[in-house]
N, C-alpha and C. Protein backbone atom coordinates (compact mmCIF):
# COMPACT_ATOMS: atom_id res chain seq x y z
N MET A 1 79.50 107.37 124.55
CA MET A 1 79.98 106.50 125.62
C MET A 1 81.50 106.37 125.58
N LEU A 2 82.01 106.20 124.37
CA LEU A 2 83.44 106.04 124.26
C LEU A 2 84.17 107.33 124.61
N GLY A 3 83.62 108.45 124.21
CA GLY A 3 84.20 109.73 124.57
C GLY A 3 84.17 109.95 126.06
N LEU A 4 83.09 109.56 126.69
CA LEU A 4 82.98 109.66 128.15
C LEU A 4 84.01 108.76 128.84
N ALA A 5 84.16 107.53 128.36
CA ALA A 5 85.15 106.64 128.94
C ALA A 5 86.56 107.19 128.77
N LEU A 6 86.85 107.74 127.60
CA LEU A 6 88.16 108.35 127.36
C LEU A 6 88.39 109.53 128.29
N THR A 7 87.38 110.34 128.48
CA THR A 7 87.49 111.50 129.37
C THR A 7 87.73 111.06 130.82
N VAL A 8 87.05 110.00 131.24
CA VAL A 8 87.22 109.50 132.60
C VAL A 8 88.65 108.98 132.81
N ILE A 9 89.16 108.24 131.83
CA ILE A 9 90.52 107.71 131.94
C ILE A 9 91.54 108.84 132.04
N ILE A 10 91.42 109.82 131.15
CA ILE A 10 92.37 110.93 131.16
C ILE A 10 92.22 111.76 132.43
N ALA A 11 90.99 112.00 132.88
CA ALA A 11 90.76 112.78 134.10
C ALA A 11 91.35 112.06 135.32
N ALA A 12 91.20 110.74 135.38
CA ALA A 12 91.76 109.98 136.50
C ALA A 12 93.29 110.10 136.51
N TYR A 13 93.91 110.07 135.34
CA TYR A 13 95.35 110.20 135.27
C TYR A 13 95.80 111.61 135.67
N VAL A 14 95.05 112.62 135.25
CA VAL A 14 95.39 113.99 135.63
C VAL A 14 95.24 114.18 137.13
N VAL A 15 94.15 113.66 137.71
CA VAL A 15 93.96 113.74 139.17
C VAL A 15 95.09 113.03 139.90
N PHE A 16 95.50 111.88 139.39
CA PHE A 16 96.64 111.17 139.98
C PHE A 16 97.87 112.05 140.00
N TRP A 17 98.15 112.72 138.89
CA TRP A 17 99.33 113.60 138.81
C TRP A 17 99.20 114.81 139.71
N VAL A 18 98.03 115.41 139.78
CA VAL A 18 97.83 116.57 140.65
C VAL A 18 98.08 116.17 142.11
N LEU A 19 97.51 115.05 142.52
CA LEU A 19 97.71 114.57 143.89
C LEU A 19 99.16 114.23 144.15
N LEU A 20 99.82 113.61 143.18
CA LEU A 20 101.21 113.27 143.33
C LEU A 20 102.09 114.50 143.50
N VAL A 21 101.87 115.48 142.68
CA VAL A 21 102.70 116.70 142.75
C VAL A 21 102.43 117.47 144.04
N VAL A 22 101.18 117.51 144.47
CA VAL A 22 100.85 118.23 145.69
C VAL A 22 101.35 117.50 146.93
N LEU A 23 101.24 116.18 146.96
CA LEU A 23 101.57 115.41 148.15
C LEU A 23 103.02 114.96 148.24
N ALA A 24 103.72 114.90 147.12
CA ALA A 24 105.11 114.41 147.13
C ALA A 24 106.03 115.50 147.64
N ASP A 25 106.90 115.10 148.57
CA ASP A 25 107.84 116.05 149.13
C ASP A 25 109.15 116.08 148.33
N VAL A 26 109.45 114.99 147.68
CA VAL A 26 110.72 114.87 146.97
C VAL A 26 110.45 114.89 145.46
N VAL A 27 111.24 115.68 144.76
CA VAL A 27 111.08 115.80 143.32
C VAL A 27 111.47 114.49 142.62
N VAL A 28 112.40 113.76 143.18
CA VAL A 28 112.86 112.52 142.59
C VAL A 28 111.69 111.52 142.49
N VAL A 29 110.84 111.51 143.49
CA VAL A 29 109.69 110.61 143.49
C VAL A 29 108.77 110.93 142.29
N VAL A 30 108.52 112.22 142.06
CA VAL A 30 107.67 112.63 140.95
C VAL A 30 108.31 112.22 139.62
N VAL A 31 109.62 112.41 139.50
CA VAL A 31 110.32 112.05 138.27
C VAL A 31 110.27 110.55 138.03
N VAL A 32 110.52 109.76 139.05
CA VAL A 32 110.51 108.30 138.92
C VAL A 32 109.12 107.81 138.56
N VAL A 33 108.11 108.33 139.25
CA VAL A 33 106.74 107.94 138.94
C VAL A 33 106.37 108.35 137.50
N GLY A 34 106.85 109.50 137.07
CA GLY A 34 106.59 109.94 135.70
C GLY A 34 107.25 109.05 134.68
N VAL A 35 108.50 108.67 134.93
CA VAL A 35 109.21 107.80 134.01
C VAL A 35 108.55 106.43 133.92
N LEU A 36 107.95 105.98 135.02
CA LEU A 36 107.28 104.69 134.99
C LEU A 36 105.83 104.77 134.51
N SER A 37 105.13 105.83 134.88
CA SER A 37 103.69 105.86 134.59
C SER A 37 103.34 106.41 133.21
N VAL A 38 104.13 107.29 132.66
CA VAL A 38 103.79 107.85 131.35
C VAL A 38 103.82 106.78 130.25
N PRO A 39 104.87 105.94 130.16
CA PRO A 39 104.79 104.86 129.15
C PRO A 39 103.64 103.89 129.40
N PHE A 40 103.36 103.58 130.67
CA PHE A 40 102.23 102.72 130.99
C PHE A 40 100.91 103.37 130.53
N PHE A 41 100.76 104.66 130.79
CA PHE A 41 99.54 105.37 130.38
C PHE A 41 99.39 105.41 128.86
N LEU A 42 100.48 105.64 128.14
CA LEU A 42 100.45 105.65 126.69
C LEU A 42 100.08 104.26 126.15
N ALA A 43 100.62 103.22 126.77
CA ALA A 43 100.28 101.86 126.36
C ALA A 43 98.79 101.58 126.65
N LEU A 44 98.30 102.04 127.79
CA LEU A 44 96.89 101.87 128.11
C LEU A 44 96.00 102.59 127.11
N MET A 45 96.37 103.80 126.75
CA MET A 45 95.58 104.56 125.76
C MET A 45 95.61 103.91 124.38
N THR A 46 96.75 103.36 124.00
CA THR A 46 96.85 102.64 122.73
C THR A 46 95.98 101.39 122.76
N TRP A 47 96.03 100.64 123.86
CA TRP A 47 95.19 99.47 124.01
C TRP A 47 93.71 99.87 123.94
N PHE A 48 93.33 100.92 124.64
CA PHE A 48 91.94 101.38 124.64
C PHE A 48 91.50 101.81 123.23
N TRP A 49 92.38 102.49 122.51
CA TRP A 49 92.07 102.95 121.16
C TRP A 49 91.77 101.76 120.24
N ILE A 50 92.62 100.74 120.28
CA ILE A 50 92.44 99.60 119.37
C ILE A 50 91.35 98.66 119.84
N ARG A 51 91.34 98.29 121.10
CA ARG A 51 90.39 97.28 121.57
C ARG A 51 88.98 97.81 121.77
N CYS A 52 88.84 99.08 122.19
CA CYS A 52 87.53 99.59 122.57
C CYS A 52 87.00 100.72 121.69
N TYR A 53 87.86 101.41 120.99
CA TYR A 53 87.45 102.65 120.32
C TYR A 53 87.48 102.55 118.80
N TYR A 54 88.34 101.73 118.23
CA TYR A 54 88.60 101.77 116.79
C TYR A 54 87.51 101.06 115.96
N LEU A 55 87.14 99.85 116.29
CA LEU A 55 86.17 99.10 115.48
C LEU A 55 84.70 99.22 115.91
N PRO A 56 84.36 99.67 117.10
CA PRO A 56 82.94 99.79 117.43
C PRO A 56 82.16 100.80 116.57
N VAL A 57 82.81 101.84 116.06
CA VAL A 57 82.08 102.83 115.26
C VAL A 57 81.57 102.20 113.96
N PRO A 58 82.37 101.45 113.20
CA PRO A 58 81.78 100.79 112.02
C PRO A 58 80.70 99.78 112.39
N ALA A 59 80.86 99.09 113.50
CA ALA A 59 79.82 98.14 113.93
C ALA A 59 78.51 98.88 114.23
N LEU A 60 78.61 100.02 114.84
CA LEU A 60 77.42 100.80 115.16
C LEU A 60 76.76 101.34 113.89
N MET A 61 77.56 101.72 112.92
CA MET A 61 77.02 102.34 111.71
C MET A 61 76.54 101.29 110.69
N LEU A 62 77.21 100.16 110.59
CA LEU A 62 76.90 99.19 109.55
C LEU A 62 75.89 98.13 109.97
N GLU A 63 75.67 97.98 111.25
CA GLU A 63 74.76 96.93 111.71
C GLU A 63 73.72 97.51 112.65
N ARG A 64 72.74 96.73 112.93
CA ARG A 64 71.70 97.15 113.87
C ARG A 64 72.09 96.71 115.27
N LEU A 65 73.11 97.33 115.79
CA LEU A 65 73.60 97.04 117.14
C LEU A 65 73.50 98.31 117.97
N GLY A 66 73.36 98.13 119.26
CA GLY A 66 73.40 99.25 120.18
C GLY A 66 74.84 99.64 120.50
N VAL A 67 74.98 100.63 121.33
CA VAL A 67 76.30 101.13 121.66
C VAL A 67 77.14 100.07 122.36
N PHE A 68 76.59 99.44 123.39
CA PHE A 68 77.36 98.48 124.15
C PHE A 68 77.62 97.21 123.36
N ALA A 69 76.67 96.81 122.53
CA ALA A 69 76.88 95.64 121.67
C ALA A 69 77.96 95.93 120.64
N SER A 70 78.02 97.16 120.14
CA SER A 70 79.05 97.53 119.18
C SER A 70 80.43 97.52 119.84
N ILE A 71 80.51 98.03 121.05
CA ILE A 71 81.79 98.01 121.78
C ILE A 71 82.22 96.58 122.02
N GLY A 72 81.28 95.71 122.40
CA GLY A 72 81.60 94.29 122.61
C GLY A 72 82.05 93.62 121.32
N ARG A 73 81.38 93.92 120.20
CA ARG A 73 81.78 93.34 118.91
C ARG A 73 83.19 93.80 118.54
N GLY A 74 83.47 95.09 118.67
CA GLY A 74 84.81 95.58 118.35
C GLY A 74 85.87 94.97 119.25
N TYR A 75 85.55 94.77 120.51
CA TYR A 75 86.48 94.16 121.45
C TYR A 75 86.77 92.72 121.05
N ARG A 76 85.71 91.98 120.70
CA ARG A 76 85.89 90.57 120.31
C ARG A 76 86.67 90.45 118.99
N LEU A 77 86.40 91.37 118.06
CA LEU A 77 87.06 91.27 116.76
C LEU A 77 88.57 91.57 116.85
N THR A 78 88.98 92.34 117.81
CA THR A 78 90.41 92.66 117.94
C THR A 78 91.15 91.67 118.84
N ARG A 79 90.44 90.70 119.40
CA ARG A 79 91.11 89.68 120.20
C ARG A 79 92.06 88.86 119.32
N HIS A 80 93.28 88.70 119.71
CA HIS A 80 94.34 88.00 119.00
C HIS A 80 94.70 88.69 117.67
N GLN A 81 94.23 89.90 117.47
CA GLN A 81 94.54 90.67 116.26
C GLN A 81 95.01 92.08 116.62
N PHE A 82 95.49 92.28 117.86
CA PHE A 82 95.84 93.63 118.32
C PHE A 82 96.93 94.26 117.48
N TRP A 83 98.04 93.57 117.29
CA TRP A 83 99.19 94.18 116.62
C TRP A 83 98.89 94.42 115.14
N ARG A 84 98.19 93.52 114.51
CA ARG A 84 97.80 93.72 113.13
C ARG A 84 96.90 94.92 112.96
N THR A 85 95.89 95.01 113.84
CA THR A 85 94.96 96.12 113.82
C THR A 85 95.69 97.43 114.12
N LEU A 86 96.57 97.41 115.10
CA LEU A 86 97.33 98.63 115.45
C LEU A 86 98.20 99.07 114.28
N GLY A 87 98.86 98.14 113.60
CA GLY A 87 99.71 98.49 112.48
C GLY A 87 98.93 99.14 111.35
N ILE A 88 97.79 98.57 111.03
CA ILE A 88 96.96 99.16 109.96
C ILE A 88 96.42 100.52 110.39
N ALA A 89 96.02 100.64 111.63
CA ALA A 89 95.48 101.91 112.12
C ALA A 89 96.57 103.00 112.12
N LEU A 90 97.77 102.65 112.56
CA LEU A 90 98.87 103.63 112.56
C LEU A 90 99.27 104.02 111.14
N LEU A 91 99.29 103.05 110.24
CA LEU A 91 99.59 103.36 108.84
C LEU A 91 98.52 104.27 108.24
N THR A 92 97.26 104.03 108.58
CA THR A 92 96.18 104.89 108.12
C THR A 92 96.34 106.32 108.64
N VAL A 93 96.67 106.44 109.93
CA VAL A 93 96.88 107.76 110.51
C VAL A 93 98.06 108.47 109.82
N LEU A 94 99.12 107.72 109.55
CA LEU A 94 100.29 108.31 108.87
C LEU A 94 99.96 108.79 107.47
N VAL A 95 99.29 107.94 106.70
CA VAL A 95 98.94 108.30 105.31
C VAL A 95 97.94 109.46 105.31
N ALA A 96 96.94 109.42 106.19
CA ALA A 96 95.94 110.48 106.23
C ALA A 96 96.57 111.80 106.68
N GLY A 97 97.45 111.73 107.65
CA GLY A 97 98.12 112.95 108.10
C GLY A 97 99.00 113.56 107.04
N THR A 98 99.73 112.71 106.33
CA THR A 98 100.57 113.20 105.23
C THR A 98 99.72 113.80 104.12
N ALA A 99 98.65 113.14 103.77
CA ALA A 99 97.75 113.67 102.72
C ALA A 99 97.14 114.99 103.16
N ALA A 100 96.75 115.10 104.41
CA ALA A 100 96.18 116.34 104.90
C ALA A 100 97.19 117.49 104.82
N GLN A 101 98.43 117.20 105.16
CA GLN A 101 99.47 118.24 105.07
C GLN A 101 99.71 118.66 103.63
N VAL A 102 99.77 117.68 102.73
CA VAL A 102 100.02 117.99 101.31
C VAL A 102 98.84 118.80 100.75
N LEU A 103 97.62 118.43 101.11
CA LEU A 103 96.45 119.15 100.58
C LEU A 103 96.31 120.55 101.16
N SER A 104 96.65 120.73 102.43
CA SER A 104 96.44 122.02 103.07
C SER A 104 97.61 122.99 102.88
N PHE A 105 98.78 122.50 102.51
CA PHE A 105 99.97 123.36 102.41
C PHE A 105 99.78 124.53 101.44
N PRO A 106 99.32 124.30 100.22
CA PRO A 106 99.20 125.47 99.32
C PRO A 106 98.25 126.54 99.83
N PHE A 107 97.13 126.13 100.42
CA PHE A 107 96.17 127.08 100.93
C PHE A 107 96.69 127.80 102.18
N SER A 108 97.42 127.09 103.00
CA SER A 108 98.02 127.72 104.17
C SER A 108 99.09 128.72 103.76
N LEU A 109 99.86 128.36 102.76
CA LEU A 109 100.89 129.28 102.26
C LEU A 109 100.28 130.55 101.68
N VAL A 110 99.22 130.38 100.88
CA VAL A 110 98.52 131.54 100.34
C VAL A 110 97.90 132.36 101.45
N ALA A 111 97.39 131.74 102.49
CA ALA A 111 96.81 132.47 103.62
C ALA A 111 97.88 133.29 104.33
N GLN A 112 99.05 132.70 104.53
CA GLN A 112 100.12 133.45 105.20
C GLN A 112 100.61 134.62 104.35
N LEU A 113 100.84 134.37 103.08
CA LEU A 113 101.28 135.44 102.20
C LEU A 113 100.19 136.50 102.04
N GLY A 114 98.95 136.09 101.92
CA GLY A 114 97.84 137.03 101.81
C GLY A 114 97.66 137.86 103.07
N SER A 115 97.93 137.27 104.21
CA SER A 115 97.79 138.02 105.47
C SER A 115 98.84 139.12 105.56
N LEU A 116 100.03 138.90 104.99
CA LEU A 116 101.07 139.92 104.98
C LEU A 116 100.72 141.06 104.03
N ALA A 117 100.07 140.73 102.93
CA ALA A 117 99.75 141.73 101.92
C ALA A 117 98.43 142.45 102.19
N ALA A 118 97.60 141.93 103.07
CA ALA A 118 96.26 142.46 103.26
C ALA A 118 96.19 143.62 104.24
N GLY A 119 97.27 143.96 104.86
CA GLY A 119 97.28 145.11 105.77
C GLY A 119 96.45 144.86 107.01
N GLU A 120 95.48 145.73 107.26
CA GLU A 120 94.71 145.63 108.49
C GLU A 120 93.76 144.44 108.48
N TYR A 121 93.47 143.87 107.31
CA TYR A 121 92.62 142.68 107.21
C TYR A 121 93.45 141.39 107.14
N GLY A 122 94.71 141.50 107.49
CA GLY A 122 95.61 140.36 107.43
C GLY A 122 95.17 139.19 108.27
N ALA A 123 94.69 139.48 109.49
CA ALA A 123 94.25 138.40 110.39
C ALA A 123 93.04 137.68 109.79
N LEU A 124 92.13 138.44 109.21
CA LEU A 124 90.95 137.85 108.61
C LEU A 124 91.32 136.97 107.42
N VAL A 125 92.21 137.44 106.58
CA VAL A 125 92.67 136.66 105.43
C VAL A 125 93.35 135.38 105.91
N PHE A 126 94.15 135.50 106.95
CA PHE A 126 94.86 134.33 107.47
C PHE A 126 93.87 133.30 108.02
N VAL A 127 92.90 133.75 108.80
CA VAL A 127 91.93 132.83 109.40
C VAL A 127 91.09 132.16 108.31
N LEU A 128 90.64 132.94 107.33
CA LEU A 128 89.83 132.36 106.24
C LEU A 128 90.64 131.37 105.41
N GLY A 129 91.87 131.72 105.07
CA GLY A 129 92.71 130.80 104.28
C GLY A 129 93.01 129.51 105.03
N THR A 130 93.29 129.65 106.32
CA THR A 130 93.57 128.46 107.12
C THR A 130 92.32 127.61 107.27
N ALA A 131 91.16 128.24 107.42
CA ALA A 131 89.90 127.49 107.53
C ALA A 131 89.60 126.74 106.23
N ILE A 132 89.84 127.37 105.11
CA ILE A 132 89.62 126.72 103.82
C ILE A 132 90.57 125.52 103.67
N ALA A 133 91.82 125.72 104.07
CA ALA A 133 92.79 124.61 104.00
C ALA A 133 92.34 123.45 104.88
N GLN A 134 91.84 123.75 106.07
CA GLN A 134 91.39 122.69 106.98
C GLN A 134 90.17 121.95 106.43
N VAL A 135 89.22 122.70 105.90
CA VAL A 135 88.01 122.09 105.35
C VAL A 135 88.34 121.19 104.16
N LEU A 136 89.20 121.67 103.26
CA LEU A 136 89.53 120.87 102.07
C LEU A 136 90.31 119.61 102.45
N SER A 137 91.25 119.72 103.36
CA SER A 137 92.01 118.53 103.75
C SER A 137 91.12 117.53 104.48
N THR A 138 90.24 118.00 105.33
CA THR A 138 89.33 117.10 106.06
C THR A 138 88.33 116.46 105.11
N ALA A 139 87.90 117.20 104.10
CA ALA A 139 86.92 116.65 103.13
C ALA A 139 87.49 115.47 102.38
N PHE A 140 88.79 115.43 102.19
CA PHE A 140 89.40 114.31 101.48
C PHE A 140 89.93 113.23 102.43
N VAL A 141 90.41 113.62 103.59
CA VAL A 141 91.05 112.67 104.49
C VAL A 141 90.03 111.90 105.35
N ALA A 142 88.99 112.54 105.83
CA ALA A 142 88.03 111.87 106.72
C ALA A 142 87.35 110.69 106.05
N PRO A 143 86.89 110.80 104.78
CA PRO A 143 86.29 109.62 104.15
C PRO A 143 87.30 108.48 103.96
N PHE A 144 88.56 108.82 103.69
CA PHE A 144 89.58 107.78 103.55
C PHE A 144 89.76 107.03 104.86
N SER A 145 89.87 107.74 105.95
CA SER A 145 90.05 107.08 107.27
C SER A 145 88.83 106.24 107.61
N ALA A 146 87.64 106.75 107.37
CA ALA A 146 86.43 106.00 107.67
C ALA A 146 86.32 104.76 106.80
N ALA A 147 86.72 104.86 105.53
CA ALA A 147 86.66 103.71 104.64
C ALA A 147 87.64 102.63 105.07
N VAL A 148 88.86 103.02 105.45
CA VAL A 148 89.84 102.04 105.90
C VAL A 148 89.35 101.33 107.17
N THR A 149 88.80 102.10 108.11
CA THR A 149 88.30 101.49 109.34
C THR A 149 87.14 100.54 109.05
N SER A 150 86.24 100.93 108.15
CA SER A 150 85.11 100.06 107.81
C SER A 150 85.58 98.78 107.11
N VAL A 151 86.53 98.93 106.20
CA VAL A 151 87.05 97.74 105.51
C VAL A 151 87.78 96.83 106.50
N GLN A 152 88.50 97.42 107.43
CA GLN A 152 89.18 96.61 108.42
C GLN A 152 88.17 95.88 109.31
N TYR A 153 87.09 96.56 109.64
CA TYR A 153 86.03 95.92 110.42
C TYR A 153 85.43 94.73 109.67
N LEU A 154 85.10 94.94 108.39
CA LEU A 154 84.55 93.84 107.60
C LEU A 154 85.56 92.70 107.42
N ASP A 155 86.82 93.04 107.27
CA ASP A 155 87.87 92.02 107.17
C ASP A 155 87.94 91.19 108.45
N GLN A 156 87.87 91.82 109.57
CA GLN A 156 87.91 91.11 110.83
C GLN A 156 86.68 90.21 110.99
N ARG A 157 85.52 90.71 110.57
CA ARG A 157 84.30 89.87 110.63
C ARG A 157 84.45 88.66 109.71
N MET A 158 85.02 88.85 108.52
CA MET A 158 85.20 87.73 107.60
C MET A 158 86.18 86.72 108.18
N ARG A 159 87.23 87.19 108.80
CA ARG A 159 88.21 86.28 109.38
C ARG A 159 87.69 85.53 110.60
N LYS A 160 86.97 86.20 111.45
CA LYS A 160 86.56 85.62 112.73
C LYS A 160 85.17 84.98 112.70
N GLU A 161 84.26 85.53 111.89
CA GLU A 161 82.88 85.07 111.95
C GLU A 161 82.37 84.50 110.62
N ALA A 162 83.25 84.31 109.64
CA ALA A 162 82.87 83.81 108.32
C ALA A 162 81.77 84.68 107.70
N PHE A 163 81.93 85.98 107.83
CA PHE A 163 80.93 86.91 107.33
C PHE A 163 80.84 86.88 105.80
N ASP A 164 81.92 86.53 105.13
CA ASP A 164 81.90 86.47 103.68
C ASP A 164 80.95 85.35 103.20
N VAL A 165 80.92 84.24 103.91
CA VAL A 165 80.02 83.15 103.56
C VAL A 165 78.56 83.59 103.76
N GLU A 166 78.32 84.31 104.85
CA GLU A 166 76.98 84.81 105.12
C GLU A 166 76.53 85.81 104.04
N LEU A 167 77.44 86.68 103.60
CA LEU A 167 77.11 87.62 102.53
C LEU A 167 76.83 86.93 101.22
N MET A 168 77.63 85.90 100.91
CA MET A 168 77.40 85.14 99.68
C MET A 168 76.07 84.40 99.73
N ARG A 169 75.72 83.86 100.89
CA ARG A 169 74.45 83.17 101.04
C ARG A 169 73.28 84.14 100.87
N GLU A 170 73.38 85.34 101.42
CA GLU A 170 72.33 86.35 101.28
C GLU A 170 72.23 86.84 99.83
N ALA A 171 73.34 86.86 99.11
CA ALA A 171 73.33 87.30 97.70
C ALA A 171 72.86 86.20 96.76
N GLY A 172 72.70 84.97 97.26
CA GLY A 172 72.25 83.87 96.43
C GLY A 172 73.35 83.15 95.71
N VAL A 173 74.61 83.45 96.03
CA VAL A 173 75.75 82.78 95.40
C VAL A 173 75.88 81.36 95.93
N LEU A 174 75.65 81.19 97.23
CA LEU A 174 75.71 79.86 97.86
C LEU A 174 74.30 79.39 98.20
N ASP A 175 74.12 78.11 98.19
CA ASP A 175 72.81 77.55 98.60
C ASP A 175 72.70 77.62 100.12
N ALA A 176 71.50 77.84 100.59
CA ALA A 176 71.25 77.99 102.03
C ALA A 176 71.40 76.70 102.77
């Protein structure tokens, strides 16, 4: 559902641009609309990522909620927490991206050097080396990103819904 919503938003923006370029007679109009609409579109996509896309996945995986209930839970949890959630999400993307580059660099370098030395099989060596680099970096980075998102989801539930008290009660630490 979220992928479909994202596709619809991007498709609507692309259709807007196609119509604008086809129907606009003056190039200045296209440039002015671009200068105004591109930052607005980027802000809309950032808002959609944090409010509708970021926290519903852990809600769907960790709880017995449906798709729409998970989206609603993620939306409610990010209310009045947008900038904090955005900062943690961007930091996670930065750390994960840097780690992926560091992990994949040696294998990519070997793939490039191996492709030069392999002669007619150079393309195959390059593709295999690059694929191995991608698989290894994803194997380490994807669980990190998922863990940070899940912990952030649980943190938001504890802050907004006193989920920590509920967990302690279920564990028998607090009296019912």
